[in-house]
Protein backbone atom coordinates (compact mmCIF):
# COMPACT_ATOMS: atom_id res chain seq x y z
CA UNK A 1 15.11 20.07 -26.79
CA UNK A 2 14.93 19.50 -30.32
CA UNK A 3 11.58 18.35 -31.07
CA UNK A 4 7.86 18.23 -29.86
CA UNK A 5 8.19 14.56 -28.86
CA UNK A 6 11.14 15.35 -26.52
CA UNK A 7 9.17 18.15 -24.97
CA UNK A 8 6.28 15.63 -24.44
CA UNK A 9 8.54 13.14 -22.64
CA UNK A 10 9.92 15.97 -20.42
CA UNK A 11 6.23 16.98 -19.54
CA UNK A 12 5.32 13.40 -18.81
CA UNK A 13 8.22 13.07 -16.56
CA UNK A 14 7.44 16.07 -14.59
CA UNK A 15 3.74 15.23 -14.27
CA UNK A 16 4.79 11.92 -12.65
CA UNK A 17 6.95 13.78 -10.14
CA UNK A 18 3.96 16.16 -9.39
CA UNK A 19 1.61 13.08 -9.02
CA UNK A 20 3.97 11.58 -6.29
CA UNK A 21 3.59 14.84 -4.25
CA UNK A 22 -0.11 15.57 -4.61
CA UNK A 23 -2.09 12.41 -4.19
CA UNK A 24 -4.63 12.57 -1.28
CA UNK A 25 -5.39 8.83 -0.58
CA UNK A 26 -2.96 5.98 0.38
CA UNK A 27 0.23 6.39 2.28
CA UNK A 28 1.68 9.62 3.01
CA UNK A 29 5.28 10.55 3.73
CA UNK A 30 6.08 14.02 5.00
CA UNK A 31 9.75 15.04 5.15
CA UNK A 32 11.09 17.81 7.36
CA UNK A 33 12.67 20.48 4.96
CA UNK A 34 13.52 23.29 7.16
CA UNK A 35 17.00 24.53 7.28
CA UNK A 36 17.87 22.21 10.02
CA UNK A 37 16.76 19.24 8.18
CA UNK A 38 18.24 20.33 4.73
CA UNK A 39 21.66 20.79 6.34
CA UNK A 40 21.45 17.41 8.05
CA UNK A 41 20.80 15.82 4.47
CA UNK A 42 17.10 15.70 4.15
CA UNK A 43 17.28 16.74 0.40
CA UNK A 44 19.11 13.37 -0.25
CA UNK A 45 16.57 11.52 1.73
CA UNK A 46 13.74 13.02 0.06
CA UNK A 47 15.22 12.34 -3.31
CA UNK A 48 15.89 8.72 -2.37
CA UNK A 49 12.31 8.30 -1.34
CA UNK A 50 10.94 9.61 -4.43
CA UNK A 51 13.31 7.52 -6.66
CA UNK A 52 12.42 4.39 -4.82
CA UNK A 53 8.81 5.06 -4.99
CA UNK A 54 9.16 5.64 -8.75
CA UNK A 55 11.32 2.73 -9.24
CA UNK A 56 8.83 0.46 -7.56
CA UNK A 57 5.85 2.16 -9.42
CA UNK A 58 4.02 2.65 -6.17
CA UNK A 59 0.83 4.72 -6.95
CA UNK A 60 -0.79 4.85 -3.45
CA UNK A 61 2.11 6.79 -1.82
CA UNK A 62 2.40 10.49 -1.43
CA UNK A 63 5.61 12.55 -0.73
CA UNK A 64 5.31 16.06 0.72
CA UNK A 65 7.42 18.52 2.54
CA UNK A 66 7.05 20.35 5.67
CA UNK A 67 8.89 22.93 7.88
CA UNK A 68 10.69 22.04 11.20
CA UNK A 69 9.24 19.01 12.76
CA UNK A 70 10.70 20.28 16.04
CA UNK A 71 13.44 17.76 16.94
CA UNK A 72 16.32 19.22 15.09
CA UNK A 73 19.00 17.04 16.69
CA UNK A 74 17.44 14.05 15.19
CA UNK A 75 17.27 15.36 11.51
CA UNK A 76 16.78 14.32 8.86
CA UNK A 77 13.23 13.33 9.86
CA UNK A 78 10.26 12.02 8.10
CA UNK A 79 6.71 10.93 8.98
CA UNK A 80 4.66 8.16 7.67
CA UNK A 81 0.98 8.16 7.86
CA UNK A 82 -1.00 5.16 7.07
CA UNK A 83 -4.85 5.32 6.33
CA UNK A 84 -6.49 4.34 9.46
CA UNK A 85 -3.06 3.87 11.25
CA UNK A 86 -0.85 5.63 13.48
CA UNK A 87 2.00 8.31 12.51
CA UNK A 88 5.38 6.71 12.54
CA UNK A 89 8.33 9.17 13.08
CA UNK A 90 11.62 8.05 11.44
CA UNK A 91 14.74 9.90 12.69
CA UNK A 92 18.51 10.16 11.75
CA UNK A 93 17.66 9.10 8.19
CA UNK A 94 19.91 8.45 5.36
CA UNK A 95 19.02 7.81 1.69
CA UNK A 96 20.03 4.05 2.31
CA UNK A 97 17.53 3.87 5.35
CA UNK A 98 15.00 5.71 3.30
CA UNK A 99 14.91 3.17 0.71
CA UNK A 100 14.68 0.35 3.43
CA UNK A 101 11.72 2.13 4.86
CA UNK A 102 10.00 1.89 1.55
CA UNK A 103 10.66 -1.72 1.15
CA UNK A 104 9.79 -2.69 4.69
CA UNK A 105 7.14 -0.25 5.99
CA UNK A 106 5.41 1.10 2.85
CA UNK A 107 5.45 -2.02 0.62
CA UNK A 108 5.30 -4.93 3.51
CA UNK A 109 3.66 -3.03 6.37
CA UNK A 110 6.26 -3.60 8.73
CA UNK A 111 7.68 -0.61 10.93
CA UNK A 112 11.47 -0.53 11.15
CA UNK A 113 11.51 0.03 15.03
CA UNK A 114 15.16 1.01 15.40
CA UNK A 115 14.73 3.82 12.96
CA UNK A 116 12.12 5.32 14.90
CA UNK A 117 11.91 8.24 17.38
CA UNK A 118 10.89 5.72 20.05
CA UNK A 119 13.92 3.68 19.71
CA UNK A 120 16.21 6.58 19.87
CA UNK A 121 14.46 8.29 22.95
CA UNK A 122 14.56 5.05 24.98
């Protein structure tokens, strides 16, 4: 860091990331980040979600972390909560699948059924 302007840019970028994780309204995505999820690749899934949300400039989506969701064999897992809607649990996620969920479910309100726990458990 060589100038005050550079420090301000770093601060603004950090505040943008914090904003993605702390908004209270709109859609909410909760990523399982216990050791089972992390070892299965949840950190990469979390980062893909954050990057896709930022690249699309989605301001009404919050991403948070939780511990074990309870279905370790299906990790990485994240849940999508829509205002006034049902919770959708996505399982066996990859960064590519996570980006597709953003484009289809979050942006276009179309659940990707084949990625959900219901499809896997049938």
